[in-house]
């Protein structure tokens, strides 16, 4: 029984350490960390079913440890002390065009403002230009993303917005202001 507590504390510590570096942990990484650092780790040799039970217990015992599902069907783990929920969602769904649409819609509806396309090339997304273009191409084929449009400023900067939150004319005016007007009028 005491060994179970040791294992759970070690796994929770690994999750916190990984989160502190700005990443999410998955099952494979946690198992690898436990077995590489201590091949005699109790609880890991009994199989994945027991390992899943250990993780469920860790989640219930530690308020900061959270689980999130990724786009790839994997379960990811993080510490809310080091990673907030929105950042964790971005990391878990990184590169998925549904994530881009979610961010674009949120920005358009809540703030309301268009999103510069190149924002997705920076952390936490770290997408390449090609990946972004592929995502946009996939969105254009899917009726669920018909509301995602783009506008280009006089400087040539592409902004993305959702018609669920922004009118096309207003989105163009805002994009022009953010890209040209705001810089010209400090």
C-alpha atoms as a PDB file:
ATOM      1  CA  UNK A   1       0.000   0.000   0.000  1.00  0.00           C
ATOM      2  CA  UNK A   2       2.783   2.409   0.897  1.00  0.00           C
ATOM      3  CA  UNK A   3       4.511   1.542  -2.399  1.00  0.00           C
ATOM      4  CA  UNK A   4       1.380   2.725  -4.279  1.00  0.00           C
ATOM      5  CA  UNK A   5       1.651   6.115  -2.589  1.00  0.00           C
ATOM      6  CA  UNK A   6       5.321   6.347  -3.589  1.00  0.00           C
ATOM      7  CA  UNK A   7       4.470   5.511  -7.209  1.00  0.00           C
ATOM      8  CA  UNK A   8       1.605   8.020  -7.330  1.00  0.00           C
ATOM      9  CA  UNK A   9       3.779  10.759  -5.804  1.00  0.00           C
ATOM     10  CA  UNK A  10       6.579  10.050  -8.298  1.00  0.00           C
ATOM     11  CA  UNK A  11       4.196  10.173 -11.268  1.00  0.00           C
ATOM     12  CA  UNK A  12       2.576  13.385  -9.995  1.00  0.00           C
ATOM     13  CA  UNK A  13       6.072  14.851  -9.579  1.00  0.00           C
ATOM     14  CA  UNK A  14       6.988  13.886 -13.144  1.00  0.00           C
ATOM     15  CA  UNK A  15       3.795  15.526 -14.454  1.00  0.00           C
ATOM     16  CA  UNK A  16       4.606  18.695 -12.522  1.00  0.00           C
ATOM     17  CA  UNK A  17       8.207  18.748 -13.794  1.00  0.00           C
ATOM     18  CA  UNK A  18       7.093  18.283 -17.404  1.00  0.00           C
ATOM     19  CA  UNK A  19       4.424  20.970 -16.989  1.00  0.00           C
ATOM     20  CA  UNK A  20       6.984  23.323 -15.505  1.00  0.00           C
ATOM     21  CA  UNK A  21       8.861  23.078 -18.813  1.00  0.00           C
ATOM     22  CA  UNK A  22       5.682  24.139 -20.675  1.00  0.00           C
ATOM     23  CA  UNK A  23       4.768  20.713 -22.017  1.00  0.00           C
ATOM     24  CA  UNK A  24       2.104  18.073 -21.517  1.00  0.00           C
ATOM     25  CA  UNK A  25       2.880  14.484 -20.482  1.00  0.00           C
ATOM     26  CA  UNK A  26       1.323  11.422 -22.085  1.00  0.00           C
ATOM     27  CA  UNK A  27       1.057   7.799 -20.886  1.00  0.00           C
ATOM     28  CA  UNK A  28       4.108   6.641 -22.824  1.00  0.00           C
ATOM     29  CA  UNK A  29       6.337   9.402 -21.496  1.00  0.00           C
ATOM     30  CA  UNK A  30       5.222   8.789 -17.914  1.00  0.00           C
ATOM     31  CA  UNK A  31       5.813   5.042 -18.177  1.00  0.00           C
ATOM     32  CA  UNK A  32       9.206   5.633 -19.774  1.00  0.00           C
ATOM     33  CA  UNK A  33      10.180   8.117 -17.041  1.00  0.00           C
ATOM     34  CA  UNK A  34       9.173   5.664 -14.325  1.00  0.00           C
ATOM     35  CA  UNK A  35      10.842   2.616 -15.839  1.00  0.00           C
ATOM     36  CA  UNK A  36      14.038   4.349 -17.003  1.00  0.00           C
ATOM     37  CA  UNK A  37      14.634   5.952 -13.647  1.00  0.00           C
ATOM     38  CA  UNK A  38      13.600   2.923 -11.614  1.00  0.00           C
ATOM     39  CA  UNK A  39      13.029  -0.403 -13.354  1.00  0.00           C
ATOM     40  CA  UNK A  40      11.632  -1.840 -10.124  1.00  0.00           C
ATOM     41  CA  UNK A  41       8.776   0.687  -9.985  1.00  0.00           C
ATOM     42  CA  UNK A  42       5.802  -1.089  -8.438  1.00  0.00           C
ATOM     43  CA  UNK A  43       2.463  -0.696 -10.118  1.00  0.00           C
ATOM     44  CA  UNK A  44       3.822  -0.351 -13.649  1.00  0.00           C
ATOM     45  CA  UNK A  45       4.490  -4.037 -14.301  1.00  0.00           C
ATOM     46  CA  UNK A  46       0.868  -5.065 -13.721  1.00  0.00           C
ATOM     47  CA  UNK A  47      -0.216  -3.643 -17.058  1.00  0.00           C
ATOM     48  CA  UNK A  48      -1.919  -0.682 -18.597  1.00  0.00           C
ATOM     49  CA  UNK A  49      -5.226  -1.274 -16.759  1.00  0.00           C
ATOM     50  CA  UNK A  50      -3.515  -0.822 -13.396  1.00  0.00           C
ATOM     51  CA  UNK A  51      -1.562   2.125 -14.746  1.00  0.00           C
ATOM     52  CA  UNK A  52      -4.825   3.789 -15.802  1.00  0.00           C
ATOM     53  CA  UNK A  53      -6.178   3.187 -12.299  1.00  0.00           C
ATOM     54  CA  UNK A  54      -3.043   4.800 -10.836  1.00  0.00           C
ATOM     55  CA  UNK A  55      -3.564   7.859 -13.044  1.00  0.00           C
ATOM     56  CA  UNK A  56      -7.227   8.130 -12.026  1.00  0.00           C
ATOM     57  CA  UNK A  57      -6.177   8.057  -8.378  1.00  0.00           C
ATOM     58  CA  UNK A  58      -3.530  10.725  -9.012  1.00  0.00           C
ATOM     59  CA  UNK A  59      -6.173  12.936 -10.642  1.00  0.00           C
ATOM     60  CA  UNK A  60      -8.530  12.531  -7.689  1.00  0.00           C
ATOM     61  CA  UNK A  61      -5.818  13.114  -5.061  1.00  0.00           C
ATOM     62  CA  UNK A  62      -4.099  16.132  -6.619  1.00  0.00           C
ATOM     63  CA  UNK A  63      -6.137  19.252  -7.347  1.00  0.00           C
ATOM     64  CA  UNK A  64      -3.492  20.626  -9.715  1.00  0.00           C
ATOM     65  CA  UNK A  65      -3.094  17.495 -11.885  1.00  0.00           C
ATOM     66  CA  UNK A  66      -5.445  17.483 -14.873  1.00  0.00           C
ATOM     67  CA  UNK A  67      -6.164  15.250 -17.839  1.00  0.00           C
ATOM     68  CA  UNK A  68      -6.990  16.492 -21.316  1.00  0.00           C
ATOM     69  CA  UNK A  69      -7.786  14.608 -24.503  1.00  0.00           C
ATOM     70  CA  UNK A  70      -5.706  15.364 -27.564  1.00  0.00           C
ATOM     71  CA  UNK A  71      -6.751  15.447 -31.182  1.00  0.00           C
ATOM     72  CA  UNK A  72      -4.871  12.203 -31.701  1.00  0.00           C
ATOM     73  CA  UNK A  73      -7.015  10.369 -29.131  1.00  0.00           C
ATOM     74  CA  UNK A  74      -4.218  10.378 -26.553  1.00  0.00           C
ATOM     75  CA  UNK A  75      -4.734  11.368 -22.954  1.00  0.00           C
ATOM     76  CA  UNK A  76      -2.405  14.132 -21.819  1.00  0.00           C
ATOM     77  CA  UNK A  77      -1.614  15.212 -18.259  1.00  0.00           C
ATOM     78  CA  UNK A  78      -0.491  18.533 -16.819  1.00  0.00           C
ATOM     79  CA  UNK A  79      -0.254  20.503 -13.618  1.00  0.00           C
ATOM     80  CA  UNK A  80      -2.523  23.541 -13.467  1.00  0.00           C
ATOM     81  CA  UNK A  81       0.118  25.149 -11.265  1.00  0.00           C
ATOM     82  CA  UNK A  82       2.387  25.473 -14.306  1.00  0.00           C
ATOM     83  CA  UNK A  83       0.049  25.281 -17.336  1.00  0.00           C
ATOM     84  CA  UNK A  84      -3.357  26.909 -17.652  1.00  0.00           C
ATOM     85  CA  UNK A  85      -6.275  25.084 -19.260  1.00  0.00           C
ATOM     86  CA  UNK A  86      -6.352  27.127 -22.468  1.00  0.00           C
ATOM     87  CA  UNK A  87      -2.633  26.585 -23.062  1.00  0.00           C
ATOM     88  CA  UNK A  88      -3.064  22.858 -22.355  1.00  0.00           C
ATOM     89  CA  UNK A  89      -5.895  22.680 -24.910  1.00  0.00           C
ATOM     90  CA  UNK A  90      -3.645  24.370 -27.460  1.00  0.00           C
ATOM     91  CA  UNK A  91      -0.823  21.955 -26.779  1.00  0.00           C
ATOM     92  CA  UNK A  92      -3.088  18.898 -26.877  1.00  0.00           C
ATOM     93  CA  UNK A  93      -4.718  19.946 -30.147  1.00  0.00           C
ATOM     94  CA  UNK A  94      -1.700  21.627 -31.715  1.00  0.00           C
ATOM     95  CA  UNK A  95      -1.828  21.741 -35.490  1.00  0.00           C
ATOM     96  CA  UNK A  96      -5.415  20.627 -35.738  1.00  0.00           C
ATOM     97  CA  UNK A  97      -7.521  22.963 -37.840  1.00  0.00           C
ATOM     98  CA  UNK A  98     -10.312  22.754 -35.289  1.00  0.00           C
ATOM     99  CA  UNK A  99      -8.006  24.479 -32.821  1.00  0.00           C
ATOM    100  CA  UNK A 100      -7.302  27.328 -35.229  1.00  0.00           C
ATOM    101  CA  UNK A 101     -11.030  27.768 -35.787  1.00  0.00           C
ATOM    102  CA  UNK A 102     -11.652  27.726 -32.023  1.00  0.00           C
ATOM    103  CA  UNK A 103      -9.080  30.470 -31.410  1.00  0.00           C
ATOM    104  CA  UNK A 104     -10.306  32.550 -34.356  1.00  0.00           C
ATOM    105  CA  UNK A 105     -13.935  32.267 -33.236  1.00  0.00           C
ATOM    106  CA  UNK A 106     -13.068  33.115 -29.648  1.00  0.00           C
ATOM    107  CA  UNK A 107     -11.138  36.217 -30.687  1.00  0.00           C
ATOM    108  CA  UNK A 108     -13.913  37.316 -33.058  1.00  0.00           C
ATOM    109  CA  UNK A 109     -16.747  36.781 -30.606  1.00  0.00           C
ATOM    110  CA  UNK A 110     -15.308  37.772 -27.251  1.00  0.00           C
ATOM    111  CA  UNK A 111     -12.906  40.626 -27.974  1.00  0.00           C
ATOM    112  CA  UNK A 112     -13.969  41.212 -31.029  1.00  0.00           C
ATOM    113  CA  UNK A 113     -10.866  41.267 -33.218  1.00  0.00           C
ATOM    114  CA  UNK A 114      -9.369  39.415 -36.172  1.00  0.00           C
ATOM    115  CA  UNK A 115      -6.292  37.231 -35.651  1.00  0.00           C
ATOM    116  CA  UNK A 116      -3.074  37.781 -37.604  1.00  0.00           C
ATOM    117  CA  UNK A 117      -2.317  34.562 -39.463  1.00  0.00           C
ATOM    118  CA  UNK A 118       1.346  34.638 -38.449  1.00  0.00           C
ATOM    119  CA  UNK A 119       0.316  34.402 -34.769  1.00  0.00           C
ATOM    120  CA  UNK A 120      -0.043  30.660 -35.348  1.00  0.00           C
ATOM    121  CA  UNK A 121       3.640  30.442 -36.280  1.00  0.00           C
ATOM    122  CA  UNK A 122       4.633  31.479 -32.750  1.00  0.00           C
ATOM    123  CA  UNK A 123       4.446  29.613 -29.432  1.00  0.00           C
ATOM    124  CA  UNK A 124       2.439  27.756 -28.313  1.00  0.00           C
ATOM    125  CA  UNK A 125       1.301  26.793 -31.818  1.00  0.00           C
ATOM    126  CA  UNK A 126       4.687  26.770 -33.583  1.00  0.00           C
ATOM    127  CA  UNK A 127       3.078  25.875 -36.897  1.00  0.00           C
ATOM    128  CA  UNK A 128       4.875  26.336 -40.186  1.00  0.00           C
ATOM    129  CA  UNK A 129       3.420  28.442 -42.978  1.00  0.00           C
ATOM    130  CA  UNK A 130       2.674  25.207 -44.869  1.00  0.00           C
ATOM    131  CA  UNK A 131       0.826  23.684 -41.888  1.00  0.00           C
ATOM    132  CA  UNK A 132      -1.316  26.808 -41.535  1.00  0.00           C
ATOM    133  CA  UNK A 133      -2.107  26.813 -45.254  1.00  0.00           C
ATOM    134  CA  UNK A 134      -3.022  23.105 -45.072  1.00  0.00           C
ATOM    135  CA  UNK A 135      -5.331  23.810 -42.113  1.00  0.00           C
ATOM    136  CA  UNK A 136      -7.019  26.667 -43.955  1.00  0.00           C
ATOM    137  CA  UNK A 137      -7.416  24.496 -47.049  1.00  0.00           C
ATOM    138  CA  UNK A 138      -9.073  21.762 -44.967  1.00  0.00           C
ATOM    139  CA  UNK A 139     -11.359  24.330 -43.313  1.00  0.00           C
ATOM    140  CA  UNK A 140     -12.433  25.605 -46.729  1.00  0.00           C
ATOM    141  CA  UNK A 141     -13.603  22.084 -47.626  1.00  0.00           C
ATOM    142  CA  UNK A 142     -15.635  21.616 -44.439  1.00  0.00           C
ATOM    143  CA  UNK A 143     -19.046  23.282 -43.997  1.00  0.00           C
ATOM    144  CA  UNK A 144     -18.470  23.434 -40.232  1.00  0.00           C
ATOM    145  CA  UNK A 145     -15.864  26.138 -40.852  1.00  0.00           C
ATOM    146  CA  UNK A 146     -17.684  28.317 -43.390  1.00  0.00           C
ATOM    147  CA  UNK A 147     -17.620  31.176 -40.904  1.00  0.00           C
ATOM    148  CA  UNK A 148     -13.793  31.367 -40.956  1.00  0.00           C
ATOM    149  CA  UNK A 149     -12.675  33.994 -43.462  1.00  0.00           C
ATOM    150  CA  UNK A 150      -9.596  36.074 -44.104  1.00  0.00           C
ATOM    151  CA  UNK A 151      -8.836  39.665 -44.930  1.00  0.00           C
ATOM    152  CA  UNK A 152      -5.591  41.223 -46.114  1.00  0.00           C
ATOM    153  CA  UNK A 153      -4.414  44.656 -45.022  1.00  0.00           C
ATOM    154  CA  UNK A 154      -2.781  47.295 -47.216  1.00  0.00           C
ATOM    155  CA  UNK A 155       0.572  46.088 -45.809  1.00  0.00           C
ATOM    156  CA  UNK A 156      -0.178  42.554 -47.057  1.00  0.00           C
ATOM    157  CA  UNK A 157      -0.744  41.005 -43.629  1.00  0.00           C
ATOM    158  CA  UNK A 158      -3.392  38.285 -43.572  1.00  0.00           C
ATOM    159  CA  UNK A 159      -5.868  38.286 -40.697  1.00  0.00           C
ATOM    160  CA  UNK A 160      -8.418  35.568 -39.942  1.00  0.00           C
ATOM    161  CA  UNK A 161     -11.840  36.096 -38.398  1.00  0.00           C
ATOM    162  CA  UNK A 162     -15.190  34.415 -37.851  1.00  0.00           C
ATOM    163  CA  UNK A 163     -18.420  35.821 -39.218  1.00  0.00           C
ATOM    164  CA  UNK A 164     -20.045  34.487 -36.041  1.00  0.00           C
ATOM    165  CA  UNK A 165     -18.502  37.451 -34.236  1.00  0.00           C
ATOM    166  CA  UNK A 166     -17.363  39.947 -36.848  1.00  0.00           C
ATOM    167  CA  UNK A 167     -18.935  41.467 -39.907  1.00  0.00           C
ATOM    168  CA  UNK A 168     -16.528  41.232 -42.903  1.00  0.00           C
ATOM    169  CA  UNK A 169     -16.297  45.017 -43.322  1.00  0.00           C
ATOM    170  CA  UNK A 170     -15.673  45.569 -39.609  1.00  0.00           C
ATOM    171  CA  UNK A 171     -13.079  42.767 -39.563  1.00  0.00           C
ATOM    172  CA  UNK A 172     -11.231  44.467 -42.445  1.00  0.00           C
ATOM    173  CA  UNK A 173     -11.293  47.838 -40.693  1.00  0.00           C
ATOM    174  CA  UNK A 174     -10.003  46.314 -37.437  1.00  0.00           C
ATOM    175  CA  UNK A 175      -7.260  44.389 -39.238  1.00  0.00           C
ATOM    176  CA  UNK A 176      -6.140  47.557 -41.021  1.00  0.00           C
ATOM    177  CA  UNK A 177      -6.103  49.426 -37.712  1.00  0.00           C
ATOM    178  CA  UNK A 178      -4.078  46.735 -35.910  1.00  0.00           C
ATOM    179  CA  UNK A 179      -1.611  46.363 -38.777  1.00  0.00           C
ATOM    180  CA  UNK A 180      -1.223  49.944 -40.025  1.00  0.00           C
ATOM    181  CA  UNK A 181      -3.163  52.541 -38.029  1.00  0.00           C
ATOM    182  CA  UNK A 182      -2.120  51.579 -34.534  1.00  0.00           C
ATOM    183  CA  UNK A 183       1.580  51.575 -35.455  1.00  0.00           C
ATOM    184  CA  UNK A 184       1.231  54.947 -37.178  1.00  0.00           C
ATOM    185  CA  UNK A 185      -0.607  56.530 -34.233  1.00  0.00           C
ATOM    186  CA  UNK A 186       1.314  55.797 -31.031  1.00  0.00           C
END
